[in-house]
Amino acid sequence: MAPHLKFLEDSEVLALLFPEPAAHGKPATEQVMALVQDAQGEIALHTVVPDKNLLRRARVTGRHKSGTPIIDPNTREIIGYELAPIAVA
């Protein structure tokens, strides 16, 4: 593992969040967002390039905006999305 990703060795990988698929010929990004919890219980979000080890350690993988929208009951605006798990080979 790269030295700058040492924090991942001692952290639990709660989720890997993949970006939406590339559209209109734009290249897909190789980076994902990793939601991690360290030994002290602190939770952080980091941009990483996933590898097989990281994919195995993640509790869940999901794609940005692929789950059910969460609607604010007062404004009826979308305030987020449920995480819809995806299979990663």
N, C-alpha and C. Protein backbone atom coordinates (compact mmCIF):
# COMPACT_ATOMS: atom_id res chain seq x y z
N MET A 1 0.85 -1.17 0.00
CA MET A 1 0.00 0.00 0.00
C MET A 1 0.90 1.24 0.00
N ALA A 2 0.50 2.26 -0.75
CA ALA A 2 1.28 3.48 -0.86
C ALA A 2 1.42 4.14 0.51
N PRO A 3 2.59 4.77 0.78
CA PRO A 3 2.81 5.38 2.09
C PRO A 3 1.75 6.42 2.45
N HIS A 4 1.27 7.20 1.49
CA HIS A 4 0.28 8.23 1.79
C HIS A 4 -1.09 7.64 2.11
N LEU A 5 -1.27 6.33 1.89
CA LEU A 5 -2.53 5.67 2.22
C LEU A 5 -2.38 4.79 3.46
N LYS A 6 -1.35 5.03 4.26
CA LYS A 6 -1.10 4.27 5.47
C LYS A 6 -2.31 4.31 6.41
N PHE A 7 -3.04 5.43 6.42
CA PHE A 7 -4.20 5.56 7.30
C PHE A 7 -5.22 4.45 7.05
N LEU A 8 -5.26 3.90 5.85
CA LEU A 8 -6.22 2.84 5.52
C LEU A 8 -5.88 1.53 6.22
N GLU A 9 -4.61 1.29 6.51
CA GLU A 9 -4.21 0.04 7.14
C GLU A 9 -4.83 -0.13 8.52
N ASP A 10 -4.96 0.95 9.27
CA ASP A 10 -5.47 0.90 10.63
C ASP A 10 -6.93 1.32 10.73
N SER A 11 -7.60 1.46 9.60
CA SER A 11 -8.99 1.93 9.58
C SER A 11 -9.91 0.85 9.04
N GLU A 12 -11.16 0.92 9.47
CA GLU A 12 -12.19 0.04 8.93
C GLU A 12 -12.81 0.76 7.74
N VAL A 13 -12.90 0.08 6.62
CA VAL A 13 -13.48 0.67 5.42
C VAL A 13 -14.98 0.41 5.46
N LEU A 14 -15.74 1.44 5.79
CA LEU A 14 -17.19 1.30 5.92
C LEU A 14 -17.87 1.22 4.57
N ALA A 15 -17.41 2.04 3.61
CA ALA A 15 -18.04 2.05 2.29
C ALA A 15 -17.09 2.62 1.25
N LEU A 16 -17.26 2.15 0.03
CA LEU A 16 -16.60 2.73 -1.13
C LEU A 16 -17.72 3.27 -2.01
N LEU A 17 -17.62 4.55 -2.36
CA LEU A 17 -18.64 5.21 -3.16
C LEU A 17 -18.08 5.52 -4.53
N PHE A 18 -18.63 4.84 -5.53
CA PHE A 18 -18.16 5.00 -6.90
C PHE A 18 -18.91 6.14 -7.59
N PRO A 19 -18.24 6.89 -8.47
CA PRO A 19 -18.92 7.97 -9.18
C PRO A 19 -19.91 7.40 -10.20
N GLU A 20 -20.76 8.27 -10.72
CA GLU A 20 -21.68 7.86 -11.76
C GLU A 20 -20.86 7.46 -12.99
N PRO A 21 -21.39 6.55 -13.82
CA PRO A 21 -20.66 6.15 -15.02
C PRO A 21 -20.42 7.36 -15.93
N ALA A 22 -19.32 7.34 -16.67
CA ALA A 22 -19.00 8.42 -17.58
C ALA A 22 -20.05 8.49 -18.69
N ALA A 23 -20.35 9.70 -19.12
CA ALA A 23 -21.34 9.89 -20.18
C ALA A 23 -20.74 10.75 -21.29
N HIS A 24 -21.27 10.61 -22.47
CA HIS A 24 -20.89 11.43 -23.61
C HIS A 24 -19.40 11.37 -23.92
N GLY A 25 -18.82 10.18 -23.82
CA GLY A 25 -17.43 9.99 -24.20
C GLY A 25 -16.41 10.50 -23.20
N LYS A 26 -16.85 11.00 -22.05
CA LYS A 26 -15.90 11.47 -21.04
C LYS A 26 -15.26 10.25 -20.38
N PRO A 27 -13.96 10.31 -20.11
CA PRO A 27 -13.30 9.17 -19.45
C PRO A 27 -13.80 9.00 -18.02
N ALA A 28 -13.95 7.75 -17.60
CA ALA A 28 -14.37 7.46 -16.23
C ALA A 28 -13.20 7.71 -15.29
N THR A 29 -13.49 8.22 -14.12
CA THR A 29 -12.44 8.44 -13.12
C THR A 29 -12.07 7.12 -12.47
N GLU A 30 -10.83 6.97 -12.09
CA GLU A 30 -10.38 5.76 -11.41
C GLU A 30 -10.48 5.91 -9.90
N GLN A 31 -10.85 7.08 -9.42
CA GLN A 31 -10.91 7.32 -7.98
C GLN A 31 -12.31 7.12 -7.44
N VAL A 32 -12.35 6.70 -6.18
CA VAL A 32 -13.61 6.53 -5.46
C VAL A 32 -13.48 7.22 -4.11
N MET A 33 -14.61 7.43 -3.46
CA MET A 33 -14.59 7.99 -2.11
C MET A 33 -14.67 6.83 -1.13
N ALA A 34 -13.77 6.82 -0.15
CA ALA A 34 -13.75 5.78 0.87
C ALA A 34 -14.19 6.40 2.20
N LEU A 35 -15.23 5.84 2.78
CA LEU A 35 -15.69 6.25 4.10
C LEU A 35 -15.03 5.31 5.09
N VAL A 36 -14.16 5.84 5.95
CA VAL A 36 -13.38 5.00 6.86
C VAL A 36 -13.56 5.44 8.30
N GLN A 37 -13.38 4.48 9.21
CA GLN A 37 -13.43 4.76 10.65
C GLN A 37 -12.11 4.31 11.24
N ASP A 38 -11.41 5.22 11.92
CA ASP A 38 -10.11 4.87 12.49
C ASP A 38 -10.26 4.21 13.86
N ALA A 39 -9.15 3.83 14.46
CA ALA A 39 -9.16 3.11 15.74
C ALA A 39 -9.76 3.93 16.88
N GLN A 40 -9.76 5.25 16.76
CA GLN A 40 -10.34 6.11 17.79
C GLN A 40 -11.83 6.37 17.54
N GLY A 41 -12.38 5.80 16.49
CA GLY A 41 -13.80 5.97 16.17
C GLY A 41 -14.11 7.15 15.27
N GLU A 42 -13.08 7.90 14.87
CA GLU A 42 -13.29 9.05 13.99
C GLU A 42 -13.63 8.55 12.58
N ILE A 43 -14.60 9.20 11.96
CA ILE A 43 -15.02 8.84 10.60
C ILE A 43 -14.55 9.93 9.65
N ALA A 44 -14.01 9.51 8.50
CA ALA A 44 -13.50 10.45 7.51
C ALA A 44 -13.81 9.94 6.11
N LEU A 45 -13.81 10.86 5.17
CA LEU A 45 -14.04 10.55 3.77
C LEU A 45 -12.76 10.89 3.01
N HIS A 46 -12.23 9.92 2.26
CA HIS A 46 -10.98 10.10 1.51
C HIS A 46 -11.17 9.69 0.07
N THR A 47 -10.49 10.37 -0.83
CA THR A 47 -10.47 9.98 -2.24
C THR A 47 -9.31 9.02 -2.43
N VAL A 48 -9.61 7.83 -2.98
CA VAL A 48 -8.59 6.80 -3.16
C VAL A 48 -8.78 6.12 -4.51
N VAL A 49 -7.74 5.44 -4.95
CA VAL A 49 -7.83 4.55 -6.11
C VAL A 49 -8.00 3.15 -5.54
N PRO A 50 -9.13 2.50 -5.81
CA PRO A 50 -9.38 1.20 -5.17
C PRO A 50 -8.49 0.10 -5.75
N ASP A 51 -8.10 -0.82 -4.88
CA ASP A 51 -7.40 -2.02 -5.32
C ASP A 51 -8.18 -3.21 -4.77
N LYS A 52 -7.76 -4.42 -5.14
CA LYS A 52 -8.50 -5.63 -4.72
C LYS A 52 -8.61 -5.75 -3.21
N ASN A 53 -7.54 -5.43 -2.50
CA ASN A 53 -7.55 -5.52 -1.04
C ASN A 53 -8.58 -4.56 -0.45
N LEU A 54 -8.60 -3.34 -0.94
CA LEU A 54 -9.55 -2.34 -0.44
C LEU A 54 -10.99 -2.76 -0.74
N LEU A 55 -11.23 -3.30 -1.92
CA LEU A 55 -12.57 -3.77 -2.28
C LEU A 55 -13.02 -4.90 -1.36
N ARG A 56 -12.11 -5.79 -0.99
CA ARG A 56 -12.46 -6.90 -0.08
C ARG A 56 -12.78 -6.39 1.33
N ARG A 57 -12.09 -5.34 1.75
CA ARG A 57 -12.25 -4.83 3.12
C ARG A 57 -13.51 -3.98 3.29
N ALA A 58 -14.03 -3.45 2.21
CA ALA A 58 -15.19 -2.55 2.31
C ALA A 58 -16.43 -3.33 2.72
N ARG A 59 -17.17 -2.77 3.68
CA ARG A 59 -18.44 -3.38 4.10
C ARG A 59 -19.47 -3.33 2.99
N VAL A 60 -19.48 -2.23 2.25
CA VAL A 60 -20.46 -2.04 1.18
C VAL A 60 -19.85 -1.16 0.09
N THR A 61 -20.26 -1.38 -1.14
CA THR A 61 -19.88 -0.52 -2.25
C THR A 61 -21.16 0.01 -2.88
N GLY A 62 -21.14 1.24 -3.30
CA GLY A 62 -22.32 1.83 -3.90
C GLY A 62 -21.93 2.86 -4.94
N ARG A 63 -22.94 3.32 -5.68
CA ARG A 63 -22.70 4.32 -6.72
C ARG A 63 -23.45 5.58 -6.37
N HIS A 64 -22.81 6.71 -6.62
CA HIS A 64 -23.38 8.02 -6.35
C HIS A 64 -24.72 8.19 -7.06
N LYS A 65 -25.73 8.62 -6.35
CA LYS A 65 -27.07 8.91 -6.86
C LYS A 65 -27.76 7.72 -7.51
N SER A 66 -27.42 6.49 -7.11
CA SER A 66 -28.08 5.33 -7.71
C SER A 66 -29.17 4.75 -6.83
N GLY A 67 -29.24 5.19 -5.58
CA GLY A 67 -30.24 4.67 -4.65
C GLY A 67 -31.51 5.49 -4.68
N THR A 68 -32.40 5.16 -3.78
CA THR A 68 -33.67 5.86 -3.66
C THR A 68 -33.44 7.27 -3.12
N PRO A 69 -34.02 8.28 -3.77
CA PRO A 69 -33.85 9.65 -3.27
C PRO A 69 -34.47 9.82 -1.89
N ILE A 70 -33.84 10.64 -1.06
CA ILE A 70 -34.38 11.00 0.25
C ILE A 70 -34.97 12.40 0.09
N ILE A 71 -36.28 12.50 0.31
CA ILE A 71 -37.02 13.73 0.07
C ILE A 71 -37.29 14.46 1.39
N ASP A 72 -36.97 15.75 1.44
CA ASP A 72 -37.29 16.56 2.61
C ASP A 72 -38.82 16.66 2.68
N PRO A 73 -39.43 16.29 3.82
CA PRO A 73 -40.89 16.30 3.91
C PRO A 73 -41.50 17.70 3.83
N ASN A 74 -40.74 18.72 4.16
CA ASN A 74 -41.28 20.09 4.13
C ASN A 74 -41.11 20.75 2.77
N THR A 75 -39.92 20.65 2.20
CA THR A 75 -39.65 21.35 0.93
C THR A 75 -39.85 20.48 -0.29
N ARG A 76 -39.92 19.16 -0.09
CA ARG A 76 -40.05 18.17 -1.18
C ARG A 76 -38.81 18.15 -2.07
N GLU A 77 -37.70 18.71 -1.60
CA GLU A 77 -36.44 18.67 -2.34
C GLU A 77 -35.68 17.40 -2.00
N ILE A 78 -34.89 16.93 -2.95
CA ILE A 78 -34.02 15.77 -2.70
C ILE A 78 -32.85 16.26 -1.86
N ILE A 79 -32.68 15.63 -0.69
CA ILE A 79 -31.59 16.05 0.21
C ILE A 79 -30.48 15.01 0.29
N GLY A 80 -30.65 13.91 -0.40
CA GLY A 80 -29.64 12.85 -0.41
C GLY A 80 -30.19 11.61 -1.08
N TYR A 81 -29.42 10.55 -1.02
CA TYR A 81 -29.80 9.28 -1.63
C TYR A 81 -29.46 8.14 -0.69
N GLU A 82 -30.31 7.15 -0.64
CA GLU A 82 -29.96 5.91 0.08
C GLU A 82 -28.85 5.26 -0.71
N LEU A 83 -28.00 4.51 -0.03
CA LEU A 83 -26.90 3.84 -0.70
C LEU A 83 -27.40 2.53 -1.28
N ALA A 84 -27.40 2.42 -2.59
CA ALA A 84 -27.79 1.20 -3.26
C ALA A 84 -26.52 0.40 -3.53
N PRO A 85 -26.34 -0.74 -2.84
CA PRO A 85 -25.11 -1.53 -3.04
C PRO A 85 -24.95 -1.99 -4.48
N ILE A 86 -23.69 -2.05 -4.93
CA ILE A 86 -23.37 -2.59 -6.24
C ILE A 86 -22.34 -3.69 -6.07
N ALA A 87 -22.35 -4.62 -6.99
CA ALA A 87 -21.37 -5.70 -6.99
C ALA A 87 -20.12 -5.23 -7.72
N VAL A 88 -18.97 -5.49 -7.14
CA VAL A 88 -17.71 -5.12 -7.75
C VAL A 88 -16.92 -6.39 -7.97
N ALA A 89 -16.52 -6.60 -9.20
CA ALA A 89 -15.78 -7.82 -9.55
C ALA A 89 -14.32 -7.67 -9.25
